Amino acid sequence: MAFSLCNSCPSLLRRLTDKKKEAIVQAAVQEFRRHGYDATSMDAIAASAGVSKRTVYNHFPGKEDLFAAILQRLWETVMVNDRFDFIAPQTLASQLRHFLQQKIALFSDPAFVDLLRVIVAATIHAPERARGMVEQLKQSEPVIVRWIREAQASGRLLTDYEPVELSDMLMGQVKAVALWPQIMMGQPPLDELRRQRLVEMVIRQFLGTFSQQPDAELQGLRSDTLKKP
């Protein structure tokens, strides 16, 4: 029995270590949000996490490393939720609806919103803190850009515009309503009806302007949700 317990010790220690590390990251998010990055001390983070200051430094040599872990957490959250492939037999409207619904659901997730608030507050006057994430973004093409490029190659979207420009326009409209008011002004997430209305309006405007055959691509658009409640 003792041998069996001993064999389980490394796994148990790893779980305890991971649990403490997670508690430290969550505490950092809370403290950065409450007091700001510059005003938050490692002592405060340790107290909030319920661990010793030494434990914090064992995992994160400095506050910059903790902030980098928060950036990484946001990056991983986005990447896990970013799944979008061009499917030729389906209308562009139905494909965009699925993608935008997933995006707005992510933008409504309290954990995601908390992470983004912390990052925006900490980098708005010190953009160099997010330099690593910016480099990651440069190296990986967003799935919506790839989707637009493939839709253009198939003859379904106009090719007069760069995919990145179309992506910025499309996502900018969504974020202007479903993300930035929540991040910058503390507004509540959109309710289900407003989510549906936003998705349908954005799709109608985007495909009505940039589709090669708007009437065909917009078939099945749920126009009933566009009516005033």
Protein backbone atom coordinates (compact mmCIF):
# COMPACT_ATOMS: atom_id res chain seq x y z
CA MET A 1 0.00 0.00 0.00
CA ALA A 2 2.80 2.41 0.92
CA PHE A 3 4.46 1.77 -2.44
CA SER A 4 1.21 2.56 -4.26
CA LEU A 5 0.75 5.80 -2.35
CA CYS A 6 4.33 6.78 -3.05
CA ASN A 7 3.82 6.19 -6.75
CA SER A 8 0.86 8.57 -6.67
CA CYS A 9 2.83 11.32 -4.92
CA PRO A 10 4.30 13.02 -8.04
CA SER A 11 0.88 13.19 -9.69
CA LEU A 12 -0.69 14.57 -6.52
CA LEU A 13 2.03 17.19 -6.16
CA ARG A 14 1.57 18.26 -9.77
CA ARG A 15 -2.17 18.69 -9.21
CA LEU A 16 -1.57 20.74 -6.07
CA THR A 17 1.02 22.84 -7.88
CA ASP A 18 -1.30 23.43 -10.84
CA LYS A 19 -4.12 24.36 -8.46
CA LYS A 20 -1.95 26.93 -6.70
CA LYS A 21 -0.73 28.35 -10.01
CA GLU A 22 -4.31 28.71 -11.24
CA ALA A 23 -5.29 30.41 -7.97
CA ILE A 24 -2.43 32.89 -8.41
CA VAL A 25 -3.45 33.75 -11.98
CA GLN A 26 -7.09 34.24 -10.95
CA ALA A 27 -6.02 36.39 -8.01
CA ALA A 28 -3.85 38.50 -10.31
CA VAL A 29 -6.80 39.07 -12.65
CA GLN A 30 -8.95 40.20 -9.72
CA GLU A 31 -6.30 42.47 -8.22
CA PHE A 32 -5.29 44.02 -11.54
CA ARG A 33 -8.94 44.74 -12.26
CA ARG A 34 -9.63 46.25 -8.83
CA HIS A 35 -6.51 48.34 -8.41
CA GLY A 36 -4.80 48.48 -11.80
CA TYR A 37 -1.57 46.85 -12.90
CA ASP A 38 0.83 49.43 -11.49
CA ALA A 39 -0.85 49.68 -8.08
CA THR A 40 -1.03 45.93 -7.53
CA SER A 41 1.75 44.28 -5.52
CA MET A 42 2.85 40.68 -5.47
CA ASP A 43 2.00 40.70 -1.75
CA ALA A 44 -1.60 41.58 -2.56
CA ILE A 45 -1.79 38.84 -5.18
CA ALA A 46 -0.39 36.28 -2.74
CA ALA A 47 -2.92 37.29 -0.07
CA SER A 48 -5.80 37.14 -2.55
CA ALA A 49 -4.67 33.70 -3.77
CA GLY A 50 -4.27 32.39 -0.21
CA VAL A 51 -0.64 31.41 -0.76
CA SER A 52 2.72 32.68 0.45
CA LYS A 53 4.63 35.34 -1.44
CA ARG A 54 7.39 32.79 -1.95
CA THR A 55 4.92 30.45 -3.66
CA VAL A 56 3.94 33.26 -6.03
CA TYR A 57 7.58 33.92 -6.92
CA ASN A 58 8.22 30.20 -7.39
CA HIS A 59 5.67 30.24 -10.21
CA PHE A 60 6.14 33.78 -11.49
CA PRO A 61 9.48 35.59 -11.00
CA GLY A 62 7.82 38.98 -11.40
CA LYS A 63 4.58 40.83 -12.04
CA GLU A 64 5.41 40.99 -15.74
CA ASP A 65 5.45 37.19 -15.86
CA LEU A 66 2.03 37.07 -14.23
CA PHE A 67 0.68 39.51 -16.77
CA ALA A 68 2.20 37.41 -19.55
CA ALA A 69 0.32 34.40 -18.14
CA ILE A 70 -2.93 36.38 -18.32
CA LEU A 71 -2.19 37.31 -21.94
CA GLN A 72 -1.49 33.66 -22.70
CA ARG A 73 -4.76 32.66 -21.06
CA LEU A 74 -6.67 35.07 -23.29
CA TRP A 75 -4.82 33.82 -26.36
CA GLU A 76 -5.63 30.19 -25.54
CA THR A 77 -9.29 31.04 -24.92
CA VAL A 78 -9.57 32.71 -28.30
CA MET A 79 -7.74 29.93 -30.12
CA VAL A 80 -9.87 27.18 -28.56
CA ASN A 81 -13.02 28.97 -29.68
CA ASP A 82 -11.71 29.84 -33.16
CA ARG A 83 -12.92 27.04 -35.43
CA PHE A 84 -14.28 28.11 -38.82
CA ASP A 85 -13.90 26.41 -42.19
CA PHE A 86 -15.31 27.39 -45.55
CA ILE A 87 -17.97 24.88 -46.65
CA ALA A 88 -18.78 25.27 -50.35
CA PRO A 89 -22.27 23.66 -50.40
CA GLN A 90 -23.62 25.95 -47.65
CA THR A 91 -24.78 29.53 -48.08
CA LEU A 92 -22.42 32.19 -46.83
CA ALA A 93 -25.17 33.51 -44.56
CA SER A 94 -25.56 30.20 -42.71
CA GLN A 95 -21.79 29.87 -42.26
CA LEU A 96 -21.38 33.42 -41.01
CA ARG A 97 -24.31 33.01 -38.63
CA HIS A 98 -22.67 30.06 -36.93
CA PHE A 99 -19.31 31.85 -36.64
CA LEU A 100 -20.72 35.14 -35.35
CA GLN A 101 -22.95 33.41 -32.82
CA GLN A 102 -19.88 31.66 -31.40
CA LYS A 103 -17.97 34.94 -31.27
CA ILE A 104 -20.73 36.80 -29.47
CA ALA A 105 -21.09 33.93 -27.00
CA LEU A 106 -17.37 34.28 -26.23
CA PHE A 107 -17.69 38.06 -25.89
CA SER A 108 -20.48 37.44 -23.35
CA ASP A 109 -18.44 35.04 -21.21
CA PRO A 110 -17.68 36.79 -17.88
CA ALA A 111 -14.26 35.14 -17.57
CA PHE A 112 -13.26 36.32 -21.05
CA VAL A 113 -14.56 39.83 -20.36
CA ASP A 114 -12.60 40.01 -17.10
CA LEU A 115 -9.39 38.96 -18.81
CA LEU A 116 -9.84 41.47 -21.61
CA ARG A 117 -10.67 44.31 -19.22
CA VAL A 118 -7.47 43.67 -17.30
CA ILE A 119 -5.40 43.57 -20.49
CA VAL A 120 -6.95 46.72 -21.96
CA ALA A 121 -6.46 48.65 -18.71
CA ALA A 122 -2.86 47.50 -18.33
CA THR A 123 -1.79 48.14 -21.92
CA ILE A 124 -3.65 51.27 -22.97
CA HIS A 125 -0.82 53.47 -21.64
CA ALA A 126 1.91 50.83 -21.93
CA PRO A 127 1.31 48.93 -25.21
CA GLU A 128 4.71 47.27 -24.97
CA ARG A 129 3.27 44.94 -22.32
CA ALA A 130 1.25 43.21 -25.03
CA ARG A 131 4.07 43.04 -27.56
CA GLY A 132 4.31 39.25 -27.27
CA MET A 133 0.64 38.79 -28.06
CA VAL A 134 0.87 41.21 -30.97
CA GLU A 135 3.69 39.12 -32.42
CA GLN A 136 1.57 35.97 -32.03
CA LEU A 137 -1.29 37.64 -33.85
CA LYS A 138 1.01 38.61 -36.71
CA GLN A 139 2.18 35.02 -37.08
CA SER A 140 -1.28 33.44 -37.15
CA GLU A 141 -3.95 34.37 -39.67
CA PRO A 142 -7.42 34.76 -38.10
CA VAL A 143 -9.83 32.06 -39.24
CA ILE A 144 -12.30 34.64 -40.55
CA VAL A 145 -9.60 36.06 -42.86
CA ARG A 146 -8.89 32.59 -44.23
CA TRP A 147 -12.62 31.97 -44.68
CA ILE A 148 -13.07 35.21 -46.62
CA ARG A 149 -10.09 34.40 -48.83
CA GLU A 150 -11.54 30.97 -49.65
CA ALA A 151 -14.98 32.46 -50.32
CA GLN A 152 -13.36 34.91 -52.73
CA ALA A 153 -11.42 32.13 -54.44
CA SER A 154 -14.67 30.21 -54.94
CA GLY A 155 -16.26 33.20 -56.68
CA ARG A 156 -18.76 33.81 -53.87
CA LEU A 157 -17.35 37.10 -52.52
CA LEU A 158 -16.06 40.10 -54.47
CA THR A 159 -12.29 40.10 -54.92
CA ASP A 160 -11.97 43.90 -55.08
CA TYR A 161 -11.11 44.03 -51.39
CA GLU A 162 -8.39 42.51 -49.23
CA PRO A 163 -9.59 39.72 -46.91
CA VAL A 164 -8.08 41.51 -43.90
CA GLU A 165 -10.04 44.67 -44.72
CA LEU A 166 -13.30 42.73 -45.02
CA SER A 167 -12.57 40.89 -41.79
CA ASP A 168 -11.88 44.15 -39.94
CA MET A 169 -15.12 45.62 -41.21
CA LEU A 170 -17.19 42.54 -40.33
CA MET A 171 -15.78 42.00 -36.85
CA GLY A 172 -15.62 45.72 -36.14
CA GLN A 173 -19.39 45.94 -36.45
CA VAL A 174 -19.89 43.02 -34.08
CA LYS A 175 -17.40 44.25 -31.49
CA ALA A 176 -18.83 47.77 -31.56
CA VAL A 177 -22.10 46.42 -30.16
CA ALA A 178 -21.29 43.11 -28.44
CA LEU A 179 -17.85 43.70 -26.92
CA TRP A 180 -16.48 47.21 -26.45
CA PRO A 181 -19.49 48.70 -24.60
CA GLN A 182 -19.21 45.79 -22.15
CA ILE A 183 -15.44 46.22 -21.76
CA MET A 184 -15.18 49.99 -21.64
CA MET A 185 -18.51 51.04 -20.09
CA GLY A 186 -19.50 48.00 -18.05
CA GLN A 187 -22.70 47.36 -19.98
CA PRO A 188 -24.31 43.92 -19.56
CA PRO A 189 -23.95 41.27 -22.27
CA LEU A 190 -26.52 41.27 -25.04
CA ASP A 191 -29.64 39.21 -24.40
CA GLU A 192 -30.55 36.44 -26.82
CA LEU A 193 -32.87 38.55 -28.99
CA ARG A 194 -30.32 41.33 -29.37
CA ARG A 195 -27.65 38.76 -30.26
CA GLN A 196 -29.85 37.34 -33.01
CA ARG A 197 -30.71 40.80 -34.34
CA LEU A 198 -27.07 41.86 -34.41
CA VAL A 199 -25.97 38.71 -36.26
CA GLU A 200 -28.69 38.99 -38.88
CA MET A 201 -28.12 42.72 -39.45
CA VAL A 202 -24.35 42.30 -39.82
CA ILE A 203 -24.77 39.38 -42.23
CA ARG A 204 -27.32 41.27 -44.33
CA GLN A 205 -25.09 44.32 -44.61
CA PHE A 206 -21.89 42.35 -45.26
CA LEU A 207 -23.24 39.96 -47.91
CA GLY A 208 -25.48 42.60 -49.43
CA THR A 209 -22.35 44.64 -50.14
CA PHE A 210 -19.62 42.11 -50.81
CA SER A 211 -21.31 38.95 -52.13
CA GLN A 212 -21.21 38.15 -55.83
CA GLN A 213 -24.85 37.00 -55.65
CA PRO A 214 -26.50 38.61 -52.62
CA ASP A 215 -29.98 37.25 -53.28
CA ALA A 216 -28.76 33.66 -53.37
CA GLU A 217 -26.43 33.96 -50.40
CA LEU A 218 -29.03 35.69 -48.22
CA GLN A 219 -31.63 32.98 -48.70
CA GLY A 220 -32.88 31.80 -45.36
CA LEU A 221 -31.83 34.96 -43.53
CA ARG A 222 -34.08 35.27 -40.51
CA SER A 223 -35.63 38.64 -41.35
CA ASP A 224 -38.20 38.22 -38.58
CA THR A 225 -35.51 38.96 -36.00
CA LEU A 226 -34.80 42.30 -37.66
CA LYS A 227 -38.23 43.65 -36.74
CA LYS A 228 -38.47 45.82 -33.66
CA PRO A 229 -39.52 43.82 -30.60
